[in-house]
Protein backbone atom coordinates (compact mmCIF):
# COMPACT_ATOMS: atom_id res chain seq x y z
CA MET A 1 -10.89 -48.69 37.47
CA LYS A 2 -8.70 -50.20 34.57
CA LYS A 3 -11.71 -51.55 32.66
CA ILE A 4 -13.31 -47.91 33.02
CA THR A 5 -10.09 -46.24 31.58
CA ILE A 6 -9.24 -48.76 28.31
CA MET A 7 -12.65 -48.89 27.11
CA PRO A 8 -13.14 -45.51 25.78
CA LEU A 9 -9.98 -46.17 23.91
CA LEU A 10 -11.06 -49.48 22.68
CA ALA A 11 -14.48 -48.04 21.05
CA ALA A 12 -12.47 -45.46 19.44
CA LEU A 13 -10.33 -47.75 17.90
CA LEU A 14 -13.25 -50.20 16.73
CA LEU A 15 -15.07 -46.85 15.47
CA THR A 16 -12.21 -45.70 13.47
CA THR A 17 -11.58 -49.55 11.74
CA ALA A 18 -15.59 -49.80 11.41
CA CYS A 19 -16.14 -46.53 9.46
CA THR A 20 -13.62 -47.32 6.67
CA LYS A 21 -15.44 -47.47 3.70
CA VAL A 22 -15.18 -46.46 -0.04
CA ILE A 23 -17.65 -44.00 -1.56
CA GLU A 24 -18.53 -44.32 -5.21
CA PHE A 25 -18.79 -40.83 -7.02
CA ASP A 26 -22.11 -40.88 -8.65
CA GLY A 27 -22.09 -38.26 -11.30
CA ASP A 28 -20.51 -37.22 -14.75
CA GLU A 29 -16.77 -36.49 -15.15
CA THR A 30 -16.40 -32.93 -16.17
CA GLU A 31 -15.00 -32.06 -19.79
CA SER A 32 -11.48 -31.17 -19.71
CA GLN A 33 -10.85 -27.47 -20.61
CA PRO A 34 -7.71 -25.85 -22.01
CA VAL A 35 -5.78 -24.12 -19.02
CA LEU A 36 -3.68 -20.78 -19.49
CA ILE A 37 -1.22 -20.26 -16.96
CA SER A 38 1.17 -16.93 -17.49
CA HIS A 39 2.39 -14.01 -15.13
CA ILE A 40 4.03 -11.58 -16.80
CA GLU A 41 6.98 -9.53 -15.06
CA ALA A 42 7.88 -6.21 -16.89
CA ASP A 43 10.87 -5.73 -19.21
CA SER A 44 11.00 -9.70 -19.34
CA LEU A 45 10.55 -12.24 -22.10
CA MET A 46 7.27 -13.45 -21.58
CA THR A 47 6.51 -17.33 -21.01
CA LEU A 48 3.09 -19.09 -20.64
CA ARG A 49 2.04 -22.74 -19.97
CA LEU A 50 -0.76 -24.61 -21.78
CA SER A 51 -2.26 -27.62 -20.47
CA TYR A 52 -5.75 -29.26 -20.04
CA SER A 53 -7.88 -29.58 -17.17
CA ARG A 54 -8.26 -32.67 -14.96
CA PHE A 55 -11.22 -34.59 -13.34
CA PHE A 56 -10.61 -33.77 -9.70
CA LEU A 57 -11.26 -37.74 -8.73
CA SER A 58 -8.47 -38.58 -11.89
CA ALA A 59 -5.12 -40.05 -10.92
CA LYS A 60 -4.04 -39.50 -14.73
CA PRO A 61 -1.08 -36.87 -14.69
CA TYR A 62 -1.81 -33.35 -16.12
CA GLN A 63 -1.64 -33.72 -19.87
CA ALA A 64 0.60 -30.88 -21.51
CA ILE A 65 -0.52 -29.16 -24.76
CA GLY A 66 2.22 -28.47 -27.42
CA ASN A 67 0.07 -27.91 -30.83
CA ALA A 68 -1.12 -24.73 -29.75
CA VAL A 69 -1.31 -21.72 -32.40
CA ILE A 70 -0.34 -18.27 -30.79
CA HIS A 71 -1.23 -14.61 -31.87
CA ALA A 72 -0.53 -11.48 -29.90
CA ASP A 73 -2.11 -8.23 -30.04
CA LEU A 74 0.26 -5.81 -28.65
CA ASN A 75 -1.32 -2.15 -27.55
CA GLY A 76 -4.16 -2.75 -29.81
CA THR A 77 -2.04 -3.77 -33.23
CA ALA A 78 -1.66 -7.41 -34.29
CA SER A 79 2.00 -8.51 -33.93
CA THR A 80 3.99 -10.23 -35.79
CA SER A 81 6.27 -11.89 -32.55
CA GLN A 82 6.27 -15.46 -32.52
CA PHE A 83 6.14 -18.04 -29.23
CA SER A 84 8.33 -20.93 -29.57
CA TYR A 85 7.36 -24.46 -27.43
CA GLN A 86 9.72 -25.45 -25.23
CA ASP A 87 8.82 -28.44 -23.19
CA ASN A 88 5.71 -29.52 -21.00
CA GLY A 89 3.29 -27.29 -22.19
CA ILE A 90 5.79 -24.37 -21.96
CA TYR A 91 5.79 -21.45 -24.55
CA ARG A 92 8.41 -18.49 -24.89
CA SER A 93 7.92 -15.38 -26.67
CA ASN A 94 10.72 -13.52 -28.42
CA PHE A 95 9.67 -10.12 -27.23
CA PRO A 96 9.67 -8.33 -23.72
CA LEU A 97 6.48 -6.58 -22.30
CA HIS A 98 7.30 -3.04 -20.79
CA GLU A 99 5.01 -0.90 -18.17
CA ASN A 100 1.63 -0.02 -19.33
CA ASP A 101 2.05 -2.45 -22.43
CA THR A 102 -1.29 -4.44 -23.11
CA ILE A 103 -1.59 -7.48 -24.53
CA THR A 104 -4.15 -9.74 -25.75
CA LEU A 105 -3.75 -13.38 -26.44
CA HIS A 106 -5.49 -15.59 -29.11
CA ILE A 107 -4.79 -19.46 -29.00
CA SER A 108 -5.75 -21.43 -31.11
CA ILE A 109 -5.80 -25.40 -29.89
CA PRO A 110 -6.92 -27.99 -32.33
CA ASP A 111 -10.35 -29.89 -31.41
CA LYS A 112 -10.91 -26.95 -28.53
CA GLY A 113 -11.18 -24.04 -30.27
CA GLU A 114 -9.91 -20.41 -29.54
CA ILE A 115 -9.11 -19.31 -25.97
CA THR A 116 -8.42 -15.44 -25.26
CA ALA A 117 -7.04 -13.44 -22.12
CA GLY A 118 -5.56 -10.33 -21.99
CA CYS A 119 -4.22 -7.60 -19.51
CA ARG A 120 -2.25 -4.44 -19.44
CA VAL A 121 1.36 -4.61 -17.39
CA PRO A 122 1.18 -2.08 -14.45
CA LEU A 123 3.13 1.02 -13.59
CA ARG A 124 6.38 0.26 -11.62
CA PRO A 125 5.98 1.44 -8.13
CA VAL A 126 7.09 4.70 -6.84
CA VAL A 127 9.13 3.61 -3.40
CA ASP A 128 11.44 5.96 -1.29
CA ASP A 129 12.08 6.80 2.06
CA ILE A 130 13.33 3.25 3.04
CA THR A 131 14.48 2.61 6.43
CA VAL A 132 15.96 -0.68 8.04
CA THR A 133 16.72 -1.46 11.47
CA PRO A 134 18.01 -5.30 12.32
CA ASP A 135 17.83 -7.34 15.15
CA ILE A 136 20.18 -9.82 14.56
CA THR A 137 21.87 -12.52 16.87
CA VAL A 138 24.46 -14.91 15.95
CA ASP A 139 23.06 -18.22 17.07
CA THR A 140 25.75 -21.43 16.74
CA TYR A 141 28.56 -22.08 14.67
CA TYR A 142 28.30 -25.41 12.63
CA TYR A 143 30.35 -27.61 10.29
CA ASP A 144 29.94 -27.35 7.00
CA TYR A 145 31.12 -30.30 5.24
CA THR A 146 30.92 -29.18 1.80
CA GLN A 147 33.34 -26.23 2.79
CA ASN A 148 35.29 -28.12 5.51
CA THR A 149 34.99 -25.19 7.82
CA PHE A 150 33.26 -24.08 10.44
CA ASN A 151 30.38 -21.33 9.50
CA ALA A 152 28.26 -19.03 11.71
CA SER A 153 24.48 -19.00 11.44
CA ALA A 154 22.60 -15.86 12.67
CA TRP A 155 18.84 -15.68 12.74
CA GLY A 156 16.43 -12.25 13.83
CA ASP A 157 14.29 -9.79 12.48
CA ILE A 158 15.00 -6.97 9.89
CA ASN A 159 12.17 -4.23 10.70
CA PHE A 160 11.83 -1.99 7.72
CA THR A 161 9.34 0.91 6.26
CA PHE A 162 9.16 2.49 3.28
CA ARG A 163 7.17 4.96 1.57
CA LEU A 164 5.09 3.89 -1.28
CA HIS A 165 3.38 6.76 -3.96
CA ASP A 166 0.31 5.56 -4.99
CA PRO A 167 -1.34 6.91 -8.35
CA ALA A 168 -4.46 8.56 -8.20
CA THR A 169 -6.16 5.77 -10.06
CA PRO A 170 -8.69 3.57 -7.81
CA GLY A 171 -8.22 -0.45 -8.00
CA ASP A 172 -4.23 -0.41 -8.12
CA CYS A 173 -2.84 -3.63 -6.39
CA TYR A 174 0.39 -4.65 -4.57
CA MET A 175 2.63 -7.50 -3.64
CA VAL A 176 5.41 -7.57 -1.35
CA ARG A 177 7.83 -10.55 -1.16
CA ALA A 178 11.39 -10.90 0.57
CA TYR A 179 14.26 -13.12 -0.11
CA SER A 180 17.79 -13.55 0.65
CA ILE A 181 20.97 -14.40 -1.83
CA ASP A 182 23.62 -16.63 -0.49
CA SER A 183 27.05 -15.21 -1.59
CA ALA A 184 28.77 -18.64 -1.16
CA THR A 185 25.92 -20.76 -3.14
CA GLY A 186 24.03 -18.07 -5.40
CA GLU A 187 21.13 -19.93 -3.74
CA ARG A 188 17.57 -17.70 -3.25
CA HIS A 189 15.74 -18.43 -0.09
CA GLU A 190 12.36 -16.89 0.36
CA GLN A 191 11.73 -15.23 3.63
CA TYR A 192 8.48 -14.80 5.63
CA ILE A 193 7.46 -11.21 5.74
CA TYR A 194 4.76 -9.56 7.68
CA LEU A 195 3.31 -6.08 6.84
CA ASN A 196 1.91 -4.30 10.10
CA ASP A 197 -0.63 -1.85 8.83
CA ASN A 198 -4.06 -1.06 10.44
CA ILE A 199 -5.38 1.13 7.39
CA LEU A 200 -4.16 -1.66 4.60
CA TYR A 201 -5.86 -4.33 6.52
CA ASP A 202 -8.85 -2.89 8.08
CA GLU A 203 -11.19 -5.60 8.49
CA ASP A 204 -13.95 -3.52 9.59
CA VAL A 205 -14.64 -2.02 6.23
CA ALA A 206 -17.13 -3.52 4.13
CA ASN A 207 -16.59 -4.44 0.27
CA ASP A 208 -13.07 -4.87 1.00
CA TYR A 209 -11.15 -7.02 -1.58
CA LEU A 210 -9.56 -8.81 1.00
CA ASP A 211 -12.76 -9.92 2.73
CA ILE A 212 -12.94 -12.27 -0.26
CA GLY A 213 -11.04 -14.83 2.27
CA SER A 214 -12.50 -14.33 5.62
CA GLY A 215 -10.38 -15.57 8.46
CA ILE A 216 -7.30 -15.60 6.29
CA ASP A 217 -4.62 -13.11 6.74
CA TYR A 218 -2.85 -11.72 3.48
CA SER A 219 -0.46 -9.28 5.28
CA SER A 220 2.23 -12.21 6.42
CA GLY A 221 3.55 -14.87 4.22
CA ARG A 222 5.96 -16.07 1.79
CA GLN A 223 4.33 -12.92 -0.19
CA ALA A 224 2.00 -10.10 1.21
CA TYR A 225 -1.08 -8.40 -0.73
CA PHE A 226 -3.01 -5.40 -0.42
CA THR A 227 -4.90 -2.89 -2.84
CA ASP A 228 -5.02 1.30 -2.71
CA GLU A 229 -8.72 1.18 -1.56
CA ARG A 230 -7.65 3.19 1.40
CA ILE A 231 -4.60 4.85 0.22
CA ASN A 232 -5.64 5.93 -3.12
CA GLY A 233 -3.39 8.32 -4.60
CA THR A 234 -1.34 9.31 -1.66
CA ALA A 235 1.99 8.73 -0.29
CA HIS A 236 1.60 5.87 2.26
CA THR A 237 4.05 4.60 4.64
CA VAL A 238 4.19 0.74 4.71
CA GLN A 239 5.98 -0.77 7.84
CA GLY A 240 6.83 -4.39 8.54
CA HIS A 241 9.88 -7.07 9.61
CA ILE A 242 10.83 -10.10 8.05
CA ASN A 243 12.34 -13.56 9.80
CA VAL A 244 15.85 -13.96 8.43
CA ASN A 245 18.19 -17.10 8.99
CA PHE A 246 21.54 -16.61 7.35
CA HIS A 247 24.51 -19.18 7.26
CA TYR A 248 26.52 -17.50 4.98
CA THR A 249 27.29 -14.10 3.53
CA SER A 250 23.82 -12.99 2.50
CA THR A 251 21.68 -10.03 0.95
CA LEU A 252 18.20 -9.60 2.07
CA TYR A 253 16.03 -8.02 -0.79
CA ILE A 254 12.34 -7.28 -0.88
CA ASP A 255 10.50 -6.80 -4.24
CA VAL A 256 7.49 -3.78 -3.97
CA CYS A 257 5.52 -5.50 -6.90
CA ALA A 258 2.35 -3.33 -8.90
CA ILE A 259 0.17 -6.42 -9.72
CA SER A 260 -2.54 -6.29 -12.31
CA ARG A 261 -5.96 -6.73 -10.78
CA ASP A 262 -6.57 -10.27 -12.10
CA ASP A 263 -3.22 -11.31 -10.86
CA TYR A 264 -4.45 -10.12 -7.50
CA LEU A 265 -7.81 -12.11 -7.65
CA PHE A 266 -6.38 -15.12 -8.93
CA TYR A 267 -3.29 -15.04 -5.97
CA ILE A 268 -6.01 -14.33 -3.31
CA THR A 269 -8.73 -16.66 -4.11
CA LEU A 270 -6.23 -19.47 -4.66
CA HIS A 271 -4.78 -18.89 -1.18
CA SER A 272 -8.45 -19.07 0.21
CA GLN A 273 -9.28 -22.14 -1.29
CA GLN A 274 -5.87 -23.71 -0.13
CA SER A 275 -5.92 -22.31 3.42
CA SER A 276 -8.41 -21.72 6.03
CA ASP A 277 -8.16 -21.09 9.83
CA ASP A 278 -11.64 -22.91 10.46
CA VAL A 279 -11.15 -26.11 11.84
CA LEU A 280 -13.75 -27.35 9.41
CA GLY A 281 -12.46 -25.60 6.54
CA PHE A 282 -11.25 -28.50 4.77
CA VAL A 283 -15.29 -29.33 4.32
CA SER A 284 -16.38 -25.81 3.53
CA GLU A 285 -17.35 -24.81 0.06
CA PRO A 286 -14.69 -24.46 -2.19
CA VAL A 287 -13.87 -20.84 -3.35
CA GLN A 288 -13.44 -20.59 -7.12
CA ILE A 289 -10.08 -19.17 -8.20
CA HIS A 290 -10.53 -16.22 -10.26
CA SER A 291 -10.12 -16.87 -14.10
CA ASN A 292 -9.74 -14.16 -16.81
CA VAL A 293 -9.36 -16.67 -19.77
CA GLU A 294 -12.58 -17.03 -22.17
CA GLY A 295 -13.02 -20.24 -23.82
CA GLY A 296 -11.18 -21.89 -20.93
CA ILE A 297 -9.67 -21.17 -17.52
CA GLY A 298 -6.69 -19.94 -15.68
CA ILE A 299 -5.13 -16.42 -15.79
CA LEU A 300 -2.87 -14.10 -17.54
CA GLY A 301 -1.66 -11.77 -15.35
CA ALA A 302 1.23 -9.11 -15.17
CA MET A 303 3.37 -7.32 -12.58
CA SER A 304 6.23 -4.57 -12.61
CA LEU A 305 8.12 -4.49 -9.81
CA ARG A 306 10.82 -2.54 -7.57
CA ARG A 307 13.62 -4.38 -6.10
CA ILE A 308 15.52 -3.01 -2.80
CA GLU A 309 18.54 -4.16 -1.28
CA LEU A 310 17.21 -4.08 2.33
CA TYR A 311 20.56 -5.41 4.45
CA LYS A 312 23.72 -7.52 3.88
CA LEU A 313 25.44 -9.72 6.50
CA THR A 314 28.85 -11.23 6.67
CA LEU A 315 29.55 -14.26 8.79
CA SER A 316 32.82 -15.88 9.42
CA ASN A 317 34.51 -18.25 11.66
CA GLY A 318 35.35 -16.42 15.13
CA THR A 319 34.15 -13.18 14.18
CA GLN A 320 31.07 -11.34 14.92
CA PRO A 321 28.48 -10.26 11.84
CA THR A 322 29.48 -7.16 10.21
CA ASP A 323 26.24 -5.72 8.84
CA LYS A 324 25.56 -2.83 6.57
CA LYS A 325 22.59 -1.47 4.62
């Protein structure tokens, strides 16, 4: 009996050691391309990052581009605004972009020619009728060595609804994210968000943007994504909940963001490539990440957001939490 039990284990160990083999890649290394990454936020100074792409088998670090010349067309007119080089391939503009602004970048890179990309900053989403239903429990008290005090921690769910007034234009895209700010440290902590909506996330609808990543759920995570495909031009009530874990007096926020379609496609194709519910997902055909850069690769996207304070929780030693909307 002992021999029968041990033999399969020995066979498995021999198989794993015997199958170790170095496989040489028989192919040409792809030529390096300029990569542009920029996600514009309305009413903020624009920043972008330029680098050279790297062959997927290369162990070399990414090479930043620090000698580019950048020109911008704002709302169809050549602009005199400037971009200053910061560090590590990052350039910062001296002008903000606002709702409904359009921008086209013309970037000259020595030995690579010119790359171009453009986008429009979406209108800020209209949100009202916000409801919040907390389900919070004080868990345990712990000793904070940095403060030399005992502090309470709390965990639970924050249930919420809000009404989104979608404009009567097809193809609008959205992203919702949640985070808390600790009053003691000023630190921002990303929270996990779930949107519960059978209308926004109907898997049976053909030609849905969300079908691009079969088996992947875009209704939950650090960010949740959806389009107006089935709510176009209506006032739709979105509901969801957030898993939270508080250690200090904390304020919880959500950002309801209107994002450009290019940004939407970039994020969900990136997520589709990096995630899979399929056991064999790691050997499946890769998803091509969306790019809107001509002459190179990358993304120039934009968003306008509505920031909402959902909940504030005060924790102190020996007392129950005091919360207020």
